[in-house]
C-alpha atoms as a PDB file:
ATOM      1  CA  MET A   1      25.112 158.982  97.514  1.00  0.00           C
ATOM      2  CA  LYS A   2      26.244 160.433  94.174  1.00  0.00           C
ATOM      3  CA  PHE A   3      24.726 159.048  90.971  1.00  0.00           C
ATOM      4  CA  THR A   4      27.065 160.424  88.308  1.00  0.00           C
ATOM      5  CA  ASN A   5      27.095 158.482  85.011  1.00  0.00           C
ATOM      6  CA  MET A   6      24.931 155.766  86.558  1.00  0.00           C
ATOM      7  CA  ASN A   7      22.480 153.547  84.670  1.00  0.00           C
ATOM      8  CA  LEU A   8      19.073 153.222  86.351  1.00  0.00           C
ATOM      9  CA  ARG A   9      19.182 149.492  85.599  1.00  0.00           C
ATOM     10  CA  ASP A  10      22.088 149.209  88.036  1.00  0.00           C
ATOM     11  CA  ILE A  11      19.760 150.144  90.911  1.00  0.00           C
ATOM     12  CA  LYS A  12      18.139 146.997  92.301  1.00  0.00           C
ATOM     13  CA  ILE A  13      15.364 146.219  94.765  1.00  0.00           C
ATOM     14  CA  SER A  14      16.495 144.863  98.127  1.00  0.00           C
ATOM     15  CA  LYS A  15      15.658 141.254  98.996  1.00  0.00           C
ATOM     16  CA  ASP A  16      13.057 142.355 101.548  1.00  0.00           C
ATOM     17  CA  GLY A  17      11.493 144.761  99.032  1.00  0.00           C
ATOM     18  CA  THR A  18      11.739 147.837 101.281  1.00  0.00           C
ATOM     19  CA  HIS A  19      14.461 149.923  99.615  1.00  0.00           C
ATOM     20  CA  HIS A  20      16.750 150.271  96.602  1.00  0.00           C
ATOM     21  CA  ILE A  21      20.382 149.224  96.476  1.00  0.00           C
ATOM     22  CA  LEU A  22      23.369 149.964  94.251  1.00  0.00           C
ATOM     23  CA  ASN A  23      26.346 147.598  94.251  1.00  0.00           C
ATOM     24  CA  GLY A  24      24.792 145.850  97.255  1.00  0.00           C
ATOM     25  CA  GLU A  25      24.450 149.035  99.334  1.00  0.00           C
ATOM     26  CA  PRO A  26      21.284 151.036 100.190  1.00  0.00           C
ATOM     27  CA  ILE A  27      21.099 154.315  98.285  1.00  0.00           C
ATOM     28  CA  TYR A  28      18.987 156.046 100.984  1.00  0.00           C
ATOM     29  CA  GLU A  29      18.041 155.488 104.647  1.00  0.00           C
ATOM     30  CA  LYS A  30      14.233 155.290 104.541  1.00  0.00           C
ATOM     31  CA  ARG A  31      12.382 151.955 104.337  1.00  0.00           C
ATOM     32  CA  PHE A  32       9.037 151.518 102.547  1.00  0.00           C
ATOM     33  CA  GLN A  33       6.214 148.985 102.666  1.00  0.00           C
ATOM     34  CA  THR A  34       6.646 148.195  98.965  1.00  0.00           C
ATOM     35  CA  ILE A  35       8.689 149.589  96.081  1.00  0.00           C
ATOM     36  CA  LEU A  36       9.075 149.134  92.330  1.00  0.00           C
ATOM     37  CA  LYS A  37      12.039 149.771  90.027  1.00  0.00           C
ATOM     38  CA  PHE A  38      13.330 153.164  88.969  1.00  0.00           C
ATOM     39  CA  HIS A  39      12.298 154.411  85.526  1.00  0.00           C
ATOM     40  CA  GLN A  40      13.308 157.498  83.602  1.00  0.00           C
ATOM     41  CA  PRO A  41      13.441 160.330  84.605  1.00  0.00           C
ATOM     42  CA  GLY A  42      14.851 158.712  87.767  1.00  0.00           C
ATOM     43  CA  LEU A  43      11.670 158.111  89.788  1.00  0.00           C
ATOM     44  CA  ALA A  44      10.411 154.943  91.486  1.00  0.00           C
ATOM     45  CA  PRO A  45       6.934 153.986  92.809  1.00  0.00           C
ATOM     46  CA  VAL A  46       6.709 153.361  96.572  1.00  0.00           C
ATOM     47  CA  ILE A  47       4.118 152.880  99.294  1.00  0.00           C
ATOM     48  CA  ASP A  48       4.498 153.928 102.927  1.00  0.00           C
ATOM     49  CA  GLU A  49       2.146 154.801 105.779  1.00  0.00           C
ATOM     50  CA  ALA A  50       1.086 158.003 103.947  1.00  0.00           C
ATOM     51  CA  GLY A  51       0.095 156.252 100.721  1.00  0.00           C
ATOM     52  CA  ALA A  52       1.545 155.634  97.269  1.00  0.00           C
ATOM     53  CA  TYR A  53       3.803 158.064  95.389  1.00  0.00           C
ATOM     54  CA  HIS A  54       7.179 158.297  93.618  1.00  0.00           C
ATOM     55  CA  ILE A  55      10.594 158.984  95.065  1.00  0.00           C
ATOM     56  CA  THR A  56      13.838 160.376  93.681  1.00  0.00           C
ATOM     57  CA  MET A  57      17.056 158.359  93.848  1.00  0.00           C
ATOM     58  CA  ASN A  58      17.746 160.010  97.227  1.00  0.00           C
ATOM     59  CA  GLY A  59      14.591 158.414  98.647  1.00  0.00           C
ATOM     60  CA  LEU A  60      12.710 161.730  98.816  1.00  0.00           C
ATOM     61  CA  PRO A  61       9.132 162.320  97.587  1.00  0.00           C
ATOM     62  CA  ALA A  62       9.013 163.670  94.035  1.00  0.00           C
ATOM     63  CA  TYR A  63       5.761 165.569  94.763  1.00  0.00           C
ATOM     64  CA  LYS A  64       3.334 166.185  97.649  1.00  0.00           C
ATOM     65  CA  ASP A  65       0.192 164.262  96.576  1.00  0.00           C
ATOM     66  CA  ARG A  66      -0.495 160.648  97.552  1.00  0.00           C
ATOM     67  CA  PHE A  67      -2.413 157.922  95.710  1.00  0.00           C
ATOM     68  CA  ILE A  68      -3.838 154.434  96.342  1.00  0.00           C
ATOM     69  CA  LYS A  69      -1.166 152.900  94.084  1.00  0.00           C
ATOM     70  CA  THR A  70       1.452 154.124  91.628  1.00  0.00           C
ATOM     71  CA  PHE A  71       3.359 152.494  88.770  1.00  0.00           C
ATOM     72  CA  GLY A  72       6.482 153.260  86.750  1.00  0.00           C
ATOM     73  CA  TYR A  73       6.969 156.226  84.404  1.00  0.00           C
ATOM     74  CA  TYR A  74       6.824 155.787  80.635  1.00  0.00           C
ATOM     75  CA  PHE A  75       7.087 158.819  78.341  1.00  0.00           C
ATOM     76  CA  ASP A  76       7.123 160.972  81.515  1.00  0.00           C
ATOM     77  CA  LYS A  77       3.704 159.692  82.583  1.00  0.00           C
ATOM     78  CA  ALA A  78       2.910 157.143  85.291  1.00  0.00           C
ATOM     79  CA  ALA A  79      -0.267 155.127  85.849  1.00  0.00           C
ATOM     80  CA  VAL A  80      -1.893 155.711  89.237  1.00  0.00           C
ATOM     81  CA  ILE A  81      -4.982 154.673  91.146  1.00  0.00           C
ATOM     82  CA  ALA A  82      -6.587 157.810  92.590  1.00  0.00           C
ATOM     83  CA  ASN A  83      -9.726 158.113  94.701  1.00  0.00           C
ATOM     84  CA  THR A  84     -11.750 158.779  91.541  1.00  0.00           C
ATOM     85  CA  GLY A  85     -10.307 155.892  89.499  1.00  0.00           C
ATOM     86  CA  TRP A  86      -7.300 155.045  87.357  1.00  0.00           C
ATOM     87  CA  GLY A  87      -5.379 157.682  85.449  1.00  0.00           C
ATOM     88  CA  HIS A  88      -1.910 159.074  84.695  1.00  0.00           C
ATOM     89  CA  ILE A  89       0.251 161.724  86.328  1.00  0.00           C
ATOM     90  CA  ASN A  90       3.168 163.761  84.982  1.00  0.00           C
ATOM     91  CA  ILE A  91       6.579 163.992  86.668  1.00  0.00           C
ATOM     92  CA  LYS A  92       5.232 166.773  88.934  1.00  0.00           C
ATOM     93  CA  GLY A  93       2.584 164.386  90.310  1.00  0.00           C
ATOM     94  CA  GLU A  94      -0.237 166.228  88.530  1.00  0.00           C
ATOM     95  CA  LEU A  95      -3.061 164.326  86.829  1.00  0.00           C
ATOM     96  CA  VAL A  96      -2.715 164.522  83.046  1.00  0.00           C
ATOM     97  CA  TYR A  97      -6.505 164.197  82.695  1.00  0.00           C
ATOM     98  CA  GLU A  98      -9.445 163.347  84.971  1.00  0.00           C
ATOM     99  CA  ALA A  99      -8.738 159.963  86.565  1.00  0.00           C
ATOM    100  CA  ASN A 100     -11.923 157.950  86.163  1.00  0.00           C
ATOM    101  CA  TYR A 101     -10.975 154.816  84.234  1.00  0.00           C
ATOM    102  CA  ALA A 102     -11.522 151.268  85.501  1.00  0.00           C
ATOM    103  CA  TRP A 103      -7.925 150.483  84.429  1.00  0.00           C
ATOM    104  CA  VAL A 104      -5.087 152.031  82.434  1.00  0.00           C
ATOM    105  CA  GLY A 105      -1.874 150.613  80.984  1.00  0.00           C
ATOM    106  CA  ASN A 106       1.509 152.256  80.525  1.00  0.00           C
ATOM    107  CA  TYR A 107       2.201 154.711  77.731  1.00  0.00           C
ATOM    108  CA  GLN A 108       3.887 153.076  74.740  1.00  0.00           C
ATOM    109  CA  GLU A 109       4.808 155.190  71.701  1.00  0.00           C
ATOM    110  CA  ASN A 110       3.203 158.024  73.718  1.00  0.00           C
ATOM    111  CA  VAL A 111      -0.298 156.479  73.522  1.00  0.00           C
ATOM    112  CA  CYS A 112      -1.973 154.222  76.054  1.00  0.00           C
ATOM    113  CA  THR A 113      -4.486 151.400  76.442  1.00  0.00           C
ATOM    114  CA  VAL A 114      -7.432 152.064  78.786  1.00  0.00           C
ATOM    115  CA  ARG A 115     -10.616 150.334  79.972  1.00  0.00           C
ATOM    116  CA  ASP A 116     -13.507 152.626  80.832  1.00  0.00           C
ATOM    117  CA  GLN A 117     -16.229 152.128  83.435  1.00  0.00           C
ATOM    118  CA  ARG A 118     -18.417 150.371  80.832  1.00  0.00           C
ATOM    119  CA  GLY A 119     -15.759 147.708  80.354  1.00  0.00           C
ATOM    120  CA  LYS A 120     -14.837 149.009  76.876  1.00  0.00           C
ATOM    121  CA  TYR A 121     -11.237 149.266  75.675  1.00  0.00           C
ATOM    122  CA  TYR A 122      -9.602 151.872  73.430  1.00  0.00           C
ATOM    123  CA  HIS A 123      -6.443 154.008  73.189  1.00  0.00           C
ATOM    124  CA  ILE A 124      -5.831 157.563  74.388  1.00  0.00           C
ATOM    125  CA  ASP A 125      -3.188 160.130  73.415  1.00  0.00           C
ATOM    126  CA  ASP A 126      -0.718 162.018  75.612  1.00  0.00           C
ATOM    127  CA  ILE A 127      -3.418 164.356  77.006  1.00  0.00           C
ATOM    128  CA  GLY A 128      -6.057 161.681  77.550  1.00  0.00           C
ATOM    129  CA  GLU A 129      -8.071 162.163  74.357  1.00  0.00           C
ATOM    130  CA  ARG A 130      -9.404 159.125  72.477  1.00  0.00           C
ATOM    131  CA  LEU A 131      -7.494 158.210  69.331  1.00  0.00           C
ATOM    132  CA  TYR A 132     -10.655 156.864  67.644  1.00  0.00           C
ATOM    133  CA  GLN A 133     -14.337 156.479  68.539  1.00  0.00           C
ATOM    134  CA  GLU A 134     -14.888 152.734  68.158  1.00  0.00           C
ATOM    135  CA  ASP A 135     -15.149 150.739  71.399  1.00  0.00           C
ATOM    136  CA  MET A 136     -13.314 147.419  71.516  1.00  0.00           C
ATOM    137  CA  LEU A 137     -13.614 144.274  73.629  1.00  0.00           C
ATOM    138  CA  TYR A 138      -9.848 144.502  74.160  1.00  0.00           C
ATOM    139  CA  VAL A 139      -6.821 146.389  72.805  1.00  0.00           C
ATOM    140  CA  GLY A 140      -3.084 145.810  73.206  1.00  0.00           C
ATOM    141  CA  ASP A 141      -0.164 148.231  73.238  1.00  0.00           C
ATOM    142  CA  PHE A 142       1.095 149.812  70.024  1.00  0.00           C
ATOM    143  CA  ASN A 143       4.394 148.624  68.614  1.00  0.00           C
ATOM    144  CA  GLU A 144       5.778 150.381  65.535  1.00  0.00           C
ATOM    145  CA  ASP A 145       2.430 152.207  65.134  1.00  0.00           C
ATOM    146  CA  ILE A 146       0.346 148.986  65.007  1.00  0.00           C
ATOM    147  CA  ALA A 147      -1.752 147.351  67.751  1.00  0.00           C
ATOM    148  CA  ALA A 148      -3.712 144.100  67.976  1.00  0.00           C
ATOM    149  CA  ILE A 149      -7.356 144.569  69.002  1.00  0.00           C
ATOM    150  CA  ARG A 150     -10.460 142.450  69.595  1.00  0.00           C
ATOM    151  CA  LYS A 151     -13.619 143.900  68.049  1.00  0.00           C
ATOM    152  CA  LYS A 152     -17.163 143.690  69.420  1.00  0.00           C
ATOM    153  CA  ASN A 153     -17.820 140.575  67.309  1.00  0.00           C
ATOM    154  CA  GLY A 154     -15.037 138.787  69.251  1.00  0.00           C
ATOM    155  CA  LEU A 155     -12.602 138.598  66.325  1.00  0.00           C
ATOM    156  CA  CYS A 156      -9.136 140.130  66.267  1.00  0.00           C
ATOM    157  CA  THR A 157      -7.316 142.314  63.763  1.00  0.00           C
ATOM    158  CA  HIS A 158      -4.624 145.039  63.641  1.00  0.00           C
ATOM    159  CA  ILE A 159      -5.171 148.808  63.664  1.00  0.00           C
ATOM    160  CA  TYR A 160      -3.143 151.986  63.194  1.00  0.00           C
ATOM    161  CA  LYS A 161      -3.277 154.812  65.736  1.00  0.00           C
ATOM    162  CA  ASP A 162      -6.179 156.525  63.996  1.00  0.00           C
ATOM    163  CA  GLY A 163      -8.246 153.340  64.359  1.00  0.00           C
ATOM    164  CA  SER A 164      -8.031 152.375  60.673  1.00  0.00           C
ATOM    165  CA  PHE A 165      -7.336 148.748  59.845  1.00  0.00           C
ATOM    166  CA  VAL A 166      -3.914 147.493  58.781  1.00  0.00           C
ATOM    167  CA  HIS A 167      -5.496 144.665  56.771  1.00  0.00           C
ATOM    168  CA  ASN A 168      -8.869 142.992  56.331  1.00  0.00           C
ATOM    169  CA  GLN A 169      -7.958 139.721  58.022  1.00  0.00           C
ATOM    170  CA  TYR A 170      -9.646 138.520  61.242  1.00  0.00           C
ATOM    171  CA  PHE A 171      -8.542 135.852  63.715  1.00  0.00           C
ATOM    172  CA  LEU A 172      -9.699 134.105  66.885  1.00  0.00           C
ATOM    173  CA  ASP A 173      -6.595 135.363  68.705  1.00  0.00           C
ATOM    174  CA  LEU A 174      -3.853 137.747  67.622  1.00  0.00           C
ATOM    175  CA  ASP A 175      -0.598 139.242  68.869  1.00  0.00           C
ATOM    176  CA  VAL A 176       1.244 142.487  68.112  1.00  0.00           C
ATOM    177  CA  TYR A 177       3.756 142.555  65.265  1.00  0.00           C
ATOM    178  CA  HIS A 178       7.336 141.683  66.113  1.00  0.00           C
ATOM    179  CA  LYS A 179       9.982 142.118  63.401  1.00  0.00           C
ATOM    180  CA  GLY A 180       7.337 142.080  60.678  1.00  0.00           C
ATOM    181  CA  PHE A 181       5.361 139.023  61.827  1.00  0.00           C
ATOM    182  CA  ALA A 182       2.521 138.460  64.290  1.00  0.00           C
ATOM    183  CA  ARG A 183       1.211 135.356  66.033  1.00  0.00           C
ATOM    184  CA  ALA A 184      -2.366 134.479  65.043  1.00  0.00           C
ATOM    185  CA  ARG A 185      -4.879 131.690  65.745  1.00  0.00           C
ATOM    186  CA  ASP A 186      -7.745 130.380  63.637  1.00  0.00           C
ATOM    187  CA  ASN A 187      -9.912 127.272  64.119  1.00  0.00           C
ATOM    188  CA  ARG A 188      -6.973 125.087  63.024  1.00  0.00           C
ATOM    189  CA  GLY A 189      -4.434 126.475  65.502  1.00  0.00           C
ATOM    190  CA  TRP A 190      -1.582 128.977  65.853  1.00  0.00           C
ATOM    191  CA  PHE A 191       0.576 130.338  63.003  1.00  0.00           C
ATOM    192  CA  HIS A 192       2.398 133.508  61.914  1.00  0.00           C
ATOM    193  CA  VAL A 193       1.079 136.245  59.614  1.00  0.00           C
ATOM    194  CA  ASP A 194       2.816 139.028  57.669  1.00  0.00           C
ATOM    195  CA  LEU A 195       1.966 142.737  57.561  1.00  0.00           C
ATOM    196  CA  SER A 196      -0.871 142.032  55.119  1.00  0.00           C
ATOM    197  CA  GLY A 197      -2.415 139.567  57.577  1.00  0.00           C
ATOM    198  CA  ASN A 198      -1.596 136.623  55.332  1.00  0.00           C
ATOM    199  CA  GLN A 199      -0.264 133.339  56.672  1.00  0.00           C
ATOM    200  CA  ILE A 200       3.417 132.847  55.853  1.00  0.00           C
ATOM    201  CA  TYR A 201       3.066 129.045  55.886  1.00  0.00           C
ATOM    202  CA  ASN A 202       0.217 126.544  55.889  1.00  0.00           C
ATOM    203  CA  ARG A 203       1.100 124.700  59.108  1.00  0.00           C
ATOM    204  CA  ARG A 204      -0.768 125.089  62.407  1.00  0.00           C
ATOM    205  CA  PHE A 205       0.605 124.535  65.902  1.00  0.00           C
ATOM    206  CA  ARG A 206      -0.618 124.012  69.454  1.00  0.00           C
ATOM    207  CA  SER A 207       1.462 127.017  70.562  1.00  0.00           C
ATOM    208  CA  ILE A 208       4.070 129.307  69.026  1.00  0.00           C
ATOM    209  CA  GLU A 209       6.423 132.140  70.008  1.00  0.00           C
ATOM    210  CA  PRO A 210       7.454 135.244  68.021  1.00  0.00           C
ATOM    211  CA  PHE A 211      10.388 134.900  65.621  1.00  0.00           C
ATOM    212  CA  TYR A 212      13.805 135.467  67.167  1.00  0.00           C
ATOM    213  CA  ASN A 213      16.469 136.250  64.553  1.00  0.00           C
ATOM    214  CA  GLY A 214      14.577 134.350  61.884  1.00  0.00           C
ATOM    215  CA  PHE A 215      13.471 131.349  63.951  1.00  0.00           C
ATOM    216  CA  ALA A 216      10.547 130.615  66.268  1.00  0.00           C
ATOM    217  CA  PHE A 217       9.800 128.065  68.998  1.00  0.00           C
ATOM    218  CA  VAL A 218       6.617 126.038  68.366  1.00  0.00           C
ATOM    219  CA  GLU A 219       4.808 123.042  69.834  1.00  0.00           C
ATOM    220  CA  ASP A 220       2.733 120.793  67.599  1.00  0.00           C
ATOM    221  CA  TYR A 221      -0.410 118.884  68.510  1.00  0.00           C
ATOM    222  CA  LYS A 222       1.641 115.830  69.458  1.00  0.00           C
ATOM    223  CA  LYS A 223       3.356 118.098  72.046  1.00  0.00           C
ATOM    224  CA  ILE A 224       6.637 117.905  70.150  1.00  0.00           C
ATOM    225  CA  ARG A 225       8.639 121.109  70.590  1.00  0.00           C
ATOM    226  CA  LYS A 226      10.398 122.378  67.504  1.00  0.00           C
ATOM    227  CA  ILE A 227      12.117 125.347  65.884  1.00  0.00           C
ATOM    228  CA  ILE A 228      10.795 126.636  62.553  1.00  0.00           C
ATOM    229  CA  ASN A 229      12.136 129.196  60.092  1.00  0.00           C
ATOM    230  CA  GLU A 230      10.115 131.980  58.452  1.00  0.00           C
ATOM    231  CA  THR A 231       8.768 129.615  55.793  1.00  0.00           C
ATOM    232  CA  GLY A 232       7.403 127.214  58.421  1.00  0.00           C
ATOM    233  CA  GLU A 233      10.093 124.600  57.771  1.00  0.00           C
ATOM    234  CA  ILE A 234      11.094 122.483  60.785  1.00  0.00           C
ATOM    235  CA  VAL A 235      14.815 123.072  61.332  1.00  0.00           C
ATOM    236  CA  HIS A 236      15.295 121.548  64.803  1.00  0.00           C
ATOM    237  CA  VAL A 237      13.461 119.297  67.299  1.00  0.00           C
ATOM    238  CA  ILE A 238      13.958 120.363  70.915  1.00  0.00           C
ATOM    239  CA  LEU A 239      12.068 117.692  72.823  1.00  0.00           C
ATOM    240  CA  ASP A 240       9.946 114.891  71.471  1.00  0.00           C
ATOM    241  CA  LYS A 241       6.948 113.324  73.198  1.00  0.00           C
ATOM    242  CA  ILE A 242       8.787 110.159  74.239  1.00  0.00           C
ATOM    243  CA  GLN A 243      11.438 112.183  76.070  1.00  0.00           C
ATOM    244  CA  GLU A 244       8.782 114.417  77.671  1.00  0.00           C
ATOM    245  CA  GLU A 245       6.923 111.439  79.152  1.00  0.00           C
ATOM    246  CA  GLY A 246      10.157 109.954  80.451  1.00  0.00           C
ATOM    247  CA  LYS A 247       9.929 106.781  78.348  1.00  0.00           C
END
């Protein structure tokens, strides 16, 4: 099958999960035990009787080595489980660094979250070197050069890629920044903070979502679902408690 001017998103997984299809038709003959979606540069993770690896859009192996499990490519690197532990391979199937982590994420902004064999989290660069020396209880992916992390004391804050702090604010729970705001939780509940780590309103909620074009979905402690603007003002009620309980 020819793949001229084709978007990888147009290639779907078959209903039985054994092969890839385009416009409802298989794009190769072989069938696999399991498969995942295609990612740039046009490779997809699969598992067959020989093990786990990646295939091209013609269903052929992209390299000769086999792994316990493989995942999608991001920034030309894919997470794999090798016999020695978790690590990343390049598009040739070669390990980027020694694979001995307890878990690795996917590369985002060409850096990656990892958990070592001690259970400590931190970030590594594109050749597997640590970005900073401090161990964390947990770290999230970077977005626009900022990541949310949980320090050894159990509190959360934001860091830059060199491990320096974005602000001096700490929270019980914290999310990555999205369009200039991040979800945060203190002992009163959930709210949104700005790039300085300051609350942008004084309200607290049972749960909240990131802002979407200036508005965010929230649920208060009476389980009333609402929409707020970036000043915390209630602009719409989606479902009140009486409706939810069917009264």
